Amino acid sequence: MNVLLSALLTVAVTTLTVAAMLVMRSRSPEGSWFSDGDRASGVFGVLATGFSVLLGFIVFLAFESYDEARSGATTEAEIVSQQLETAQLMPAAVRADLTGQLVCYARSVAGTEWDAMVAGTIGDAVNPWGVAMFRTFQTADPQTGPEQSAYDRWADQTSDREQARMARVHGAEGLIPFPLWLVLYVVSGLIFVYLLFFADPRERAVTQGLLMGSITVVITLLMLLLGFFDHPHGHGVGKLEPTAMERTLRVTAEEVAAVGLRVDAPCDEDGRARDD
């Protein structure tokens, strides 16, 4: 959700609740609908405190998942860059294939795979170029000491890359289950309804509107923030984008050109396999 749409939604919800408060004020008895205001305020305090604690805890956990996905994307890009160097020390029979497939892996992460995460359709799908590299790696037959060292190093880096990928795709389809969303919306609605019974014609309209509007703005913004963290991948402000992997692709291209290495990647710019 972009900033403009969020702002418009916040204004719309606040306008609606403030209008409801003013209508209720025009029909309420003096002193509000509660005969004991202190007792009613105490009940409202319990509702508001419980809601804020629950919402704050969820936002904290959602932010942790957001940060984990961001860190995973950065780590994955760094490992891909390292594996490109390791591939040049592998046996000659697999060196070119691993290099090209690794470039295609990076392209697919920044292209088709990221689009699938934004759409929430990635599911449990594996990266096809990760599978291709594994098959190529199985055919490697290291003979010399450097080749054996590169072979072992590649295996370790592959494991680290897969863990980073799991962190990156975690939460792409949403982190917060529906029952929890339902509870949050029900409690939010209950707070708004409860506030309406504090309508008092003796209070100024501005005061009553501020009472309802301030609480509405806070709750709405927190719910929007929670929705932002629930789907961290995208192209809006603050959303996670494949910046790290795109940077790796650019740096890799410069390094390859600098050492005069020719890379024949069997894919297009989005990581889709070419039809040979």
C-alpha atoms as a PDB file:
ATOM      1  CA  MET A   1       0.000   0.000   0.000  1.00  0.00           C
ATOM      2  CA  ASN A   2       1.544   3.334  -1.015  1.00  0.00           C
ATOM      3  CA  VAL A   3       1.800   6.407   1.189  1.00  0.00           C
ATOM      4  CA  LEU A   4      -0.875   8.407  -0.647  1.00  0.00           C
ATOM      5  CA  LEU A   5      -3.426   5.621  -0.478  1.00  0.00           C
ATOM      6  CA  SER A   6      -2.654   5.066   3.208  1.00  0.00           C
ATOM      7  CA  ALA A   7      -3.101   8.768   3.933  1.00  0.00           C
ATOM      8  CA  LEU A   8      -6.405   8.869   2.066  1.00  0.00           C
ATOM      9  CA  LEU A   9      -7.656   5.793   3.888  1.00  0.00           C
ATOM     10  CA  THR A  10      -6.670   7.278   7.245  1.00  0.00           C
ATOM     11  CA  VAL A  11      -8.468  10.541   6.452  1.00  0.00           C
ATOM     12  CA  ALA A  12     -11.565   8.670   5.249  1.00  0.00           C
ATOM     13  CA  VAL A  13     -11.790   6.437   8.329  1.00  0.00           C
ATOM     14  CA  THR A  14     -11.158   9.372  10.683  1.00  0.00           C
ATOM     15  CA  THR A  15     -13.785  11.498   8.958  1.00  0.00           C
ATOM     16  CA  LEU A  16     -16.313   8.692   9.254  1.00  0.00           C
ATOM     17  CA  THR A  17     -15.712   8.070  12.959  1.00  0.00           C
ATOM     18  CA  VAL A  18     -15.647  11.787  13.848  1.00  0.00           C
ATOM     19  CA  ALA A  19     -18.914  12.310  11.968  1.00  0.00           C
ATOM     20  CA  ALA A  20     -20.431   9.379  13.862  1.00  0.00           C
ATOM     21  CA  MET A  21     -19.264  10.916  17.141  1.00  0.00           C
ATOM     22  CA  LEU A  22     -20.833  14.296  16.326  1.00  0.00           C
ATOM     23  CA  VAL A  23     -24.120  12.682  15.304  1.00  0.00           C
ATOM     24  CA  MET A  24     -24.125  10.679  18.525  1.00  0.00           C
ATOM     25  CA  ARG A  25     -23.334  13.858  20.499  1.00  0.00           C
ATOM     26  CA  SER A  26     -26.425  15.591  19.126  1.00  0.00           C
ATOM     27  CA  ARG A  27     -28.609  12.781  20.467  1.00  0.00           C
ATOM     28  CA  SER A  28     -26.865  11.974  23.724  1.00  0.00           C
ATOM     29  CA  PRO A  29     -27.989  12.956  27.214  1.00  0.00           C
ATOM     30  CA  GLU A  30     -25.895  15.456  29.135  1.00  0.00           C
ATOM     31  CA  GLY A  31     -22.928  13.818  30.794  1.00  0.00           C
ATOM     32  CA  SER A  32     -22.711  11.015  28.176  1.00  0.00           C
ATOM     33  CA  TRP A  33     -24.577   7.717  28.142  1.00  0.00           C
ATOM     34  CA  PHE A  34     -22.683   6.464  31.190  1.00  0.00           C
ATOM     35  CA  SER A  35     -24.045   7.285  34.620  1.00  0.00           C
ATOM     36  CA  ASP A  36     -20.659   6.533  36.197  1.00  0.00           C
ATOM     37  CA  GLY A  37     -17.951   8.095  34.028  1.00  0.00           C
ATOM     38  CA  ASP A  38     -15.065   6.886  36.187  1.00  0.00           C
ATOM     39  CA  ARG A  39     -16.153   3.269  35.934  1.00  0.00           C
ATOM     40  CA  ALA A  40     -16.671   3.617  32.171  1.00  0.00           C
ATOM     41  CA  SER A  41     -13.200   5.181  31.775  1.00  0.00           C
ATOM     42  CA  GLY A  42     -11.700   2.289  33.701  1.00  0.00           C
ATOM     43  CA  VAL A  43     -13.325  -0.243  31.386  1.00  0.00           C
ATOM     44  CA  PHE A  44     -12.140   1.726  28.364  1.00  0.00           C
ATOM     45  CA  GLY A  45      -8.624   1.761  29.808  1.00  0.00           C
ATOM     46  CA  VAL A  46      -8.669  -2.034  30.015  1.00  0.00           C
ATOM     47  CA  LEU A  47      -9.858  -2.290  26.391  1.00  0.00           C
ATOM     48  CA  ALA A  48      -7.322   0.216  25.083  1.00  0.00           C
ATOM     49  CA  THR A  49      -4.420  -1.243  27.072  1.00  0.00           C
ATOM     50  CA  GLY A  50      -5.152  -4.793  26.022  1.00  0.00           C
ATOM     51  CA  PHE A  51      -5.459  -3.780  22.384  1.00  0.00           C
ATOM     52  CA  SER A  52      -2.290  -1.674  22.412  1.00  0.00           C
ATOM     53  CA  VAL A  53      -0.236  -4.414  24.074  1.00  0.00           C
ATOM     54  CA  LEU A  54      -1.474  -7.021  21.593  1.00  0.00           C
ATOM     55  CA  LEU A  55      -0.963  -4.744  18.589  1.00  0.00           C
ATOM     56  CA  GLY A  56       2.469  -3.603  19.750  1.00  0.00           C
ATOM     57  CA  PHE A  57       3.611  -7.182  20.264  1.00  0.00           C
ATOM     58  CA  ILE A  58       2.422  -8.177  16.792  1.00  0.00           C
ATOM     59  CA  VAL A  59       4.091  -5.152  15.177  1.00  0.00           C
ATOM     60  CA  PHE A  60       7.347  -6.049  16.940  1.00  0.00           C
ATOM     61  CA  LEU A  61       7.252  -9.637  15.682  1.00  0.00           C
ATOM     62  CA  ALA A  62       6.274  -8.491  12.179  1.00  0.00           C
ATOM     63  CA  PHE A  63       9.181  -6.038  12.098  1.00  0.00           C
ATOM     64  CA  GLU A  64      11.556  -8.821  13.114  1.00  0.00           C
ATOM     65  CA  SER A  65      10.329 -10.894  10.170  1.00  0.00           C
ATOM     66  CA  TYR A  66      10.678  -7.875   7.882  1.00  0.00           C
ATOM     67  CA  ASP A  67      14.259  -7.322   9.045  1.00  0.00           C
ATOM     68  CA  GLU A  68      15.020 -11.037   8.659  1.00  0.00           C
ATOM     69  CA  ALA A  69      13.786 -10.970   5.057  1.00  0.00           C
ATOM     70  CA  ARG A  70      15.878  -7.865   4.328  1.00  0.00           C
ATOM     71  CA  SER A  71      18.986  -9.411   5.889  1.00  0.00           C
ATOM     72  CA  GLY A  72      18.377 -12.670   4.013  1.00  0.00           C
ATOM     73  CA  ALA A  73      18.223 -10.860   0.671  1.00  0.00           C
ATOM     74  CA  THR A  74      21.479  -9.023   1.409  1.00  0.00           C
ATOM     75  CA  THR A  75      23.277 -12.145   2.603  1.00  0.00           C
ATOM     76  CA  GLU A  76      22.092 -14.148  -0.393  1.00  0.00           C
ATOM     77  CA  ALA A  77      23.445 -11.524  -2.789  1.00  0.00           C
ATOM     78  CA  GLU A  78      26.812 -11.504  -1.015  1.00  0.00           C
ATOM     79  CA  ILE A  79      27.085 -15.296  -1.180  1.00  0.00           C
ATOM     80  CA  VAL A  80      26.249 -15.303  -4.900  1.00  0.00           C
ATOM     81  CA  SER A  81      29.139 -12.901  -5.459  1.00  0.00           C
ATOM     82  CA  GLN A  82      31.452 -15.144  -3.469  1.00  0.00           C
ATOM     83  CA  GLN A  83      30.309 -18.258  -5.296  1.00  0.00           C
ATOM     84  CA  LEU A  84      31.140 -16.665  -8.612  1.00  0.00           C
ATOM     85  CA  GLU A  85      34.765 -16.489  -7.509  1.00  0.00           C
ATOM     86  CA  THR A  86      34.649 -20.023  -6.136  1.00  0.00           C
ATOM     87  CA  ALA A  87      33.284 -21.294  -9.456  1.00  0.00           C
ATOM     88  CA  GLN A  88      36.469 -20.156 -11.227  1.00  0.00           C
ATOM     89  CA  LEU A  89      38.500 -22.590  -9.092  1.00  0.00           C
ATOM     90  CA  MET A  90      36.243 -25.570  -9.762  1.00  0.00           C
ATOM     91  CA  PRO A  91      37.213 -28.307 -12.254  1.00  0.00           C
ATOM     92  CA  ALA A  92      37.270 -27.027 -15.826  1.00  0.00           C
ATOM     93  CA  ALA A  93      34.509 -29.434 -16.889  1.00  0.00           C
ATOM     94  CA  VAL A  94      31.909 -27.671 -14.715  1.00  0.00           C
ATOM     95  CA  ARG A  95      33.401 -24.203 -14.320  1.00  0.00           C
ATOM     96  CA  ALA A  96      31.608 -22.503 -17.201  1.00  0.00           C
ATOM     97  CA  ASP A  97      28.275 -24.180 -16.502  1.00  0.00           C
ATOM     98  CA  LEU A  98      28.300 -23.248 -12.815  1.00  0.00           C
ATOM     99  CA  THR A  99      29.226 -19.654 -13.633  1.00  0.00           C
ATOM    100  CA  GLY A 100      26.433 -19.242 -16.168  1.00  0.00           C
ATOM    101  CA  GLN A 101      23.851 -20.938 -13.954  1.00  0.00           C
ATOM    102  CA  LEU A 102      24.879 -18.798 -10.999  1.00  0.00           C
ATOM    103  CA  VAL A 103      24.343 -15.640 -13.053  1.00  0.00           C
ATOM    104  CA  CYS A 104      20.923 -16.953 -14.076  1.00  0.00           C
ATOM    105  CA  TYR A 105      20.124 -17.662 -10.439  1.00  0.00           C
ATOM    106  CA  ALA A 106      20.885 -14.046  -9.560  1.00  0.00           C
ATOM    107  CA  ARG A 107      18.809 -12.779 -12.474  1.00  0.00           C
ATOM    108  CA  SER A 108      15.839 -14.941 -11.526  1.00  0.00           C
ATOM    109  CA  VAL A 109      15.981 -13.760  -7.904  1.00  0.00           C
ATOM    110  CA  ALA A 110      15.859 -10.129  -9.028  1.00  0.00           C
ATOM    111  CA  GLY A 111      13.326 -10.904 -11.762  1.00  0.00           C
ATOM    112  CA  THR A 112      10.743 -13.664 -11.883  1.00  0.00           C
ATOM    113  CA  GLU A 113      11.183 -14.848  -8.301  1.00  0.00           C
ATOM    114  CA  TRP A 114      10.824 -11.378  -6.823  1.00  0.00           C
ATOM    115  CA  ASP A 115       7.696 -10.779  -8.897  1.00  0.00           C
ATOM    116  CA  ALA A 116       6.253 -14.000  -7.475  1.00  0.00           C
ATOM    117  CA  MET A 117       7.017 -12.849  -3.923  1.00  0.00           C
ATOM    118  CA  VAL A 118       5.314  -9.505  -4.543  1.00  0.00           C
ATOM    119  CA  ALA A 119       2.253 -11.319  -5.893  1.00  0.00           C
ATOM    120  CA  GLY A 120       2.343 -13.779  -2.982  1.00  0.00           C
ATOM    121  CA  THR A 121       2.436 -16.786  -5.312  1.00  0.00           C
ATOM    122  CA  ILE A 122       5.917 -18.134  -4.671  1.00  0.00           C
ATOM    123  CA  GLY A 123       4.690 -20.755  -2.200  1.00  0.00           C
ATOM    124  CA  ASP A 124       7.215 -23.564  -1.667  1.00  0.00           C
ATOM    125  CA  ALA A 125       8.656 -23.302  -5.162  1.00  0.00           C
ATOM    126  CA  VAL A 126      12.393 -23.837  -5.509  1.00  0.00           C
ATOM    127  CA  ASN A 127      14.624 -21.775  -7.732  1.00  0.00           C
ATOM    128  CA  PRO A 128      15.188 -23.827 -10.929  1.00  0.00           C
ATOM    129  CA  TRP A 129      18.738 -22.534 -11.290  1.00  0.00           C
ATOM    130  CA  GLY A 130      19.549 -23.745  -7.793  1.00  0.00           C
ATOM    131  CA  VAL A 131      18.501 -27.213  -8.940  1.00  0.00           C
ATOM    132  CA  ALA A 132      20.542 -26.857 -12.136  1.00  0.00           C
ATOM    133  CA  MET A 133      23.650 -25.883 -10.173  1.00  0.00           C
ATOM    134  CA  PHE A 134      23.197 -28.844  -7.848  1.00  0.00           C
ATOM    135  CA  ARG A 135      23.056 -31.237 -10.779  1.00  0.00           C
ATOM    136  CA  THR A 136      26.145 -29.694 -12.339  1.00  0.00           C
ATOM    137  CA  PHE A 137      27.952 -29.783  -9.007  1.00  0.00           C
ATOM    138  CA  GLN A 138      27.252 -33.520  -8.710  1.00  0.00           C
ATOM    139  CA  THR A 139      29.234 -34.139 -11.901  1.00  0.00           C
ATOM    140  CA  ALA A 140      32.310 -32.297 -10.637  1.00  0.00           C
ATOM    141  CA  ASP A 141      35.414 -34.444 -10.146  1.00  0.00           C
ATOM    142  CA  PRO A 142      38.077 -32.415  -8.339  1.00  0.00           C
ATOM    143  CA  GLN A 143      41.604 -33.686  -8.905  1.00  0.00           C
ATOM    144  CA  THR A 144      43.954 -31.074  -7.502  1.00  0.00           C
ATOM    145  CA  GLY A 145      44.171 -29.513  -4.057  1.00  0.00           C
ATOM    146  CA  PRO A 146      42.724 -26.143  -5.126  1.00  0.00           C
ATOM    147  CA  GLU A 147      39.871 -27.870  -6.927  1.00  0.00           C
ATOM    148  CA  GLN A 148      39.051 -29.980  -3.874  1.00  0.00           C
ATOM    149  CA  SER A 149      39.145 -26.893  -1.669  1.00  0.00           C
ATOM    150  CA  ALA A 150      36.850 -25.042  -4.084  1.00  0.00           C
ATOM    151  CA  TYR A 151      34.535 -28.054  -4.184  1.00  0.00           C
ATOM    152  CA  ASP A 152      34.168 -28.070  -0.390  1.00  0.00           C
ATOM    153  CA  ARG A 153      33.816 -24.300  -0.294  1.00  0.00           C
ATOM    154  CA  TRP A 154      31.071 -24.375  -2.933  1.00  0.00           C
ATOM    155  CA  ALA A 155      29.093 -26.899  -0.898  1.00  0.00           C
ATOM    156  CA  ASP A 156      29.300 -24.703   2.208  1.00  0.00           C
ATOM    157  CA  GLN A 157      28.344 -21.575   0.290  1.00  0.00           C
ATOM    158  CA  THR A 158      25.379 -23.351  -1.293  1.00  0.00           C
ATOM    159  CA  SER A 159      24.064 -24.291   2.137  1.00  0.00           C
ATOM    160  CA  ASP A 160      24.463 -20.703   3.360  1.00  0.00           C
ATOM    161  CA  ARG A 161      22.793 -19.351   0.224  1.00  0.00           C
ATOM    162  CA  GLU A 162      19.787 -21.626   0.653  1.00  0.00           C
ATOM    163  CA  GLN A 163      19.358 -20.531   4.269  1.00  0.00           C
ATOM    164  CA  ALA A 164      19.520 -16.888   3.207  1.00  0.00           C
ATOM    165  CA  ARG A 165      16.920 -17.558   0.511  1.00  0.00           C
ATOM    166  CA  MET A 166      14.582 -19.127   3.057  1.00  0.00           C
ATOM    167  CA  ALA A 167      14.900 -16.005   5.205  1.00  0.00           C
ATOM    168  CA  ARG A 168      14.191 -13.821   2.155  1.00  0.00           C
ATOM    169  CA  VAL A 169      11.022 -15.611   1.049  1.00  0.00           C
ATOM    170  CA  HIS A 170       9.720 -16.055   4.596  1.00  0.00           C
ATOM    171  CA  GLY A 171       6.478 -14.168   4.940  1.00  0.00           C
ATOM    172  CA  ALA A 172       6.063 -13.459   1.225  1.00  0.00           C
ATOM    173  CA  GLU A 173       2.503 -14.797   1.454  1.00  0.00           C
ATOM    174  CA  GLY A 174       1.690 -13.011   4.700  1.00  0.00           C
ATOM    175  CA  LEU A 175       2.916 -13.485   8.249  1.00  0.00           C
ATOM    176  CA  ILE A 176      -0.238 -12.794  10.252  1.00  0.00           C
ATOM    177  CA  PRO A 177      -2.980 -15.463  10.245  1.00  0.00           C
ATOM    178  CA  PHE A 178      -6.580 -14.543   9.520  1.00  0.00           C
ATOM    179  CA  PRO A 179      -7.897 -15.255  13.068  1.00  0.00           C
ATOM    180  CA  LEU A 180      -5.468 -12.684  14.446  1.00  0.00           C
ATOM    181  CA  TRP A 181      -6.549 -10.089  11.878  1.00  0.00           C
ATOM    182  CA  LEU A 182     -10.168 -10.854  12.831  1.00  0.00           C
ATOM    183  CA  VAL A 183      -9.463 -10.270  16.528  1.00  0.00           C
ATOM    184  CA  LEU A 184      -7.692  -6.976  15.798  1.00  0.00           C
ATOM    185  CA  TYR A 185     -10.534  -5.655  13.666  1.00  0.00           C
ATOM    186  CA  VAL A 186     -13.225  -6.752  16.140  1.00  0.00           C
ATOM    187  CA  VAL A 187     -11.428  -5.114  19.070  1.00  0.00           C
ATOM    188  CA  SER A 188     -10.854  -1.953  17.002  1.00  0.00           C
ATOM    189  CA  GLY A 189     -14.550  -1.782  16.201  1.00  0.00           C
ATOM    190  CA  LEU A 190     -15.417  -2.343  19.853  1.00  0.00           C
ATOM    191  CA  ILE A 191     -13.196   0.560  20.906  1.00  0.00           C
ATOM    192  CA  PHE A 192     -14.832   2.886  18.387  1.00  0.00           C
ATOM    193  CA  VAL A 193     -18.339   1.888  19.473  1.00  0.00           C
ATOM    194  CA  TYR A 194     -17.418   2.277  23.133  1.00  0.00           C
ATOM    195  CA  LEU A 195     -16.079   5.769  22.456  1.00  0.00           C
ATOM    196  CA  LEU A 196     -19.397   6.788  20.929  1.00  0.00           C
ATOM    197  CA  PHE A 197     -21.064   6.347  24.318  1.00  0.00           C
ATOM    198  CA  PHE A 198     -18.783   9.060  25.704  1.00  0.00           C
ATOM    199  CA  ALA A 199     -20.590  11.583  23.465  1.00  0.00           C
ATOM    200  CA  ASP A 200     -21.661  14.535  25.614  1.00  0.00           C
ATOM    201  CA  PRO A 201     -23.558  17.598  24.310  1.00  0.00           C
ATOM    202  CA  ARG A 202     -22.044  19.673  27.117  1.00  0.00           C
ATOM    203  CA  GLU A 203     -18.600  19.230  25.584  1.00  0.00           C
ATOM    204  CA  ARG A 204     -17.590  21.331  22.594  1.00  0.00           C
ATOM    205  CA  ALA A 205     -17.882  19.639  19.199  1.00  0.00           C
ATOM    206  CA  VAL A 206     -14.180  20.186  18.578  1.00  0.00           C
ATOM    207  CA  THR A 207     -13.273  18.419  21.806  1.00  0.00           C
ATOM    208  CA  GLN A 208     -15.502  15.467  21.022  1.00  0.00           C
ATOM    209  CA  GLY A 209     -14.183  15.260  17.470  1.00  0.00           C
ATOM    210  CA  LEU A 210     -10.586  15.377  18.736  1.00  0.00           C
ATOM    211  CA  LEU A 211     -11.329  12.591  21.206  1.00  0.00           C
ATOM    212  CA  MET A 212     -12.566  10.266  18.489  1.00  0.00           C
ATOM    213  CA  GLY A 213     -10.238  11.468  15.707  1.00  0.00           C
ATOM    214  CA  SER A 214      -6.976  11.092  17.615  1.00  0.00           C
ATOM    215  CA  ILE A 215      -7.735   7.511  18.646  1.00  0.00           C
ATOM    216  CA  THR A 216      -8.923   6.660  15.137  1.00  0.00           C
ATOM    217  CA  VAL A 217      -5.739   8.011  13.553  1.00  0.00           C
ATOM    218  CA  VAL A 218      -3.489   6.078  15.931  1.00  0.00           C
ATOM    219  CA  ILE A 219      -5.294   2.763  15.486  1.00  0.00           C
ATOM    220  CA  THR A 220      -5.630   3.152  11.714  1.00  0.00           C
ATOM    221  CA  LEU A 221      -1.951   3.995  11.244  1.00  0.00           C
ATOM    222  CA  LEU A 222      -0.864   1.072  13.408  1.00  0.00           C
ATOM    223  CA  MET A 223      -3.094  -1.316  11.462  1.00  0.00           C
ATOM    224  CA  LEU A 224      -1.686   0.017   8.180  1.00  0.00           C
ATOM    225  CA  LEU A 225       1.838  -0.404   9.529  1.00  0.00           C
ATOM    226  CA  LEU A 226       1.021  -3.964  10.462  1.00  0.00           C
ATOM    227  CA  GLY A 227      -0.295  -4.581   6.943  1.00  0.00           C
ATOM    228  CA  PHE A 228       2.947  -3.144   5.558  1.00  0.00           C
ATOM    229  CA  PHE A 229       5.076  -5.553   7.579  1.00  0.00           C
ATOM    230  CA  ASP A 230       2.737  -8.450   6.740  1.00  0.00           C
ATOM    231  CA  HIS A 231       3.671  -8.124   3.037  1.00  0.00           C
ATOM    232  CA  PRO A 232       7.205  -6.686   3.030  1.00  0.00           C
ATOM    233  CA  HIS A 233       8.066  -7.288  -0.633  1.00  0.00           C
ATOM    234  CA  GLY A 234       6.969  -4.827  -3.269  1.00  0.00           C
ATOM    235  CA  HIS A 235       7.810  -1.602  -5.064  1.00  0.00           C
ATOM    236  CA  GLY A 236       6.371   1.039  -2.723  1.00  0.00           C
ATOM    237  CA  VAL A 237       8.064   3.255  -0.143  1.00  0.00           C
ATOM    238  CA  GLY A 238       9.925   1.107   2.378  1.00  0.00           C
ATOM    239  CA  LYS A 239       9.098  -2.165   0.618  1.00  0.00           C
ATOM    240  CA  LEU A 240      11.844  -4.727   0.120  1.00  0.00           C
ATOM    241  CA  GLU A 241      13.231  -4.681  -3.413  1.00  0.00           C
ATOM    242  CA  PRO A 242      15.972  -6.792  -5.054  1.00  0.00           C
ATOM    243  CA  THR A 243      18.467  -3.956  -4.662  1.00  0.00           C
ATOM    244  CA  ALA A 244      21.240  -6.128  -3.209  1.00  0.00           C
ATOM    245  CA  MET A 245      21.012  -8.779  -5.939  1.00  0.00           C
ATOM    246  CA  GLU A 246      20.820  -6.152  -8.678  1.00  0.00           C
ATOM    247  CA  ARG A 247      23.956  -4.566  -7.259  1.00  0.00           C
ATOM    248  CA  THR A 248      25.656  -7.961  -7.253  1.00  0.00           C
ATOM    249  CA  LEU A 249      24.759  -8.449 -10.911  1.00  0.00           C
ATOM    250  CA  ARG A 250      26.232  -5.060 -11.829  1.00  0.00           C
ATOM    251  CA  VAL A 251      29.426  -5.602  -9.840  1.00  0.00           C
ATOM    252  CA  THR A 252      29.758  -9.128 -11.200  1.00  0.00           C
ATOM    253  CA  ALA A 253      29.459  -7.891 -14.771  1.00  0.00           C
ATOM    254  CA  GLU A 254      32.210  -5.330 -14.133  1.00  0.00           C
ATOM    255  CA  GLU A 255      34.491  -7.919 -12.520  1.00  0.00           C
ATOM    256  CA  VAL A 256      33.939 -10.400 -15.323  1.00  0.00           C
ATOM    257  CA  ALA A 257      34.766  -7.752 -17.903  1.00  0.00           C
ATOM    258  CA  ALA A 258      37.854  -6.649 -15.966  1.00  0.00           C
ATOM    259  CA  VAL A 259      39.416 -10.127 -15.910  1.00  0.00           C
ATOM    260  CA  GLY A 260      38.389 -10.906 -19.471  1.00  0.00           C
ATOM    261  CA  LEU A 261      36.125 -13.782 -18.496  1.00  0.00           C
ATOM    262  CA  ARG A 262      33.373 -14.770 -20.894  1.00  0.00           C
ATOM    263  CA  VAL A 263      30.109 -15.842 -19.283  1.00  0.00           C
ATOM    264  CA  ASP A 264      27.477 -17.562 -21.378  1.00  0.00           C
ATOM    265  CA  ALA A 265      24.356 -17.383 -19.238  1.00  0.00           C
ATOM    266  CA  PRO A 266      21.626 -19.761 -20.495  1.00  0.00           C
ATOM    267  CA  CYS A 267      18.823 -17.343 -19.606  1.00  0.00           C
ATOM    268  CA  ASP A 268      17.367 -13.942 -20.371  1.00  0.00           C
ATOM    269  CA  GLU A 269      17.667 -10.831 -18.203  1.00  0.00           C
ATOM    270  CA  ASP A 270      14.810 -11.972 -15.940  1.00  0.00           C
ATOM    271  CA  GLY A 271      16.310 -15.392 -15.333  1.00  0.00           C
ATOM    272  CA  ARG A 272      14.048 -17.357 -17.679  1.00  0.00           C
ATOM    273  CA  ALA A 273      15.733 -20.234 -19.466  1.00  0.00           C
ATOM    274  CA  ARG A 274      16.448 -19.564 -23.130  1.00  0.00           C
ATOM    275  CA  ASP A 275      15.055 -21.909 -25.773  1.00  0.00           C
ATOM    276  CA  ASP A 276      18.079 -23.412 -27.486  1.00  0.00           C
END
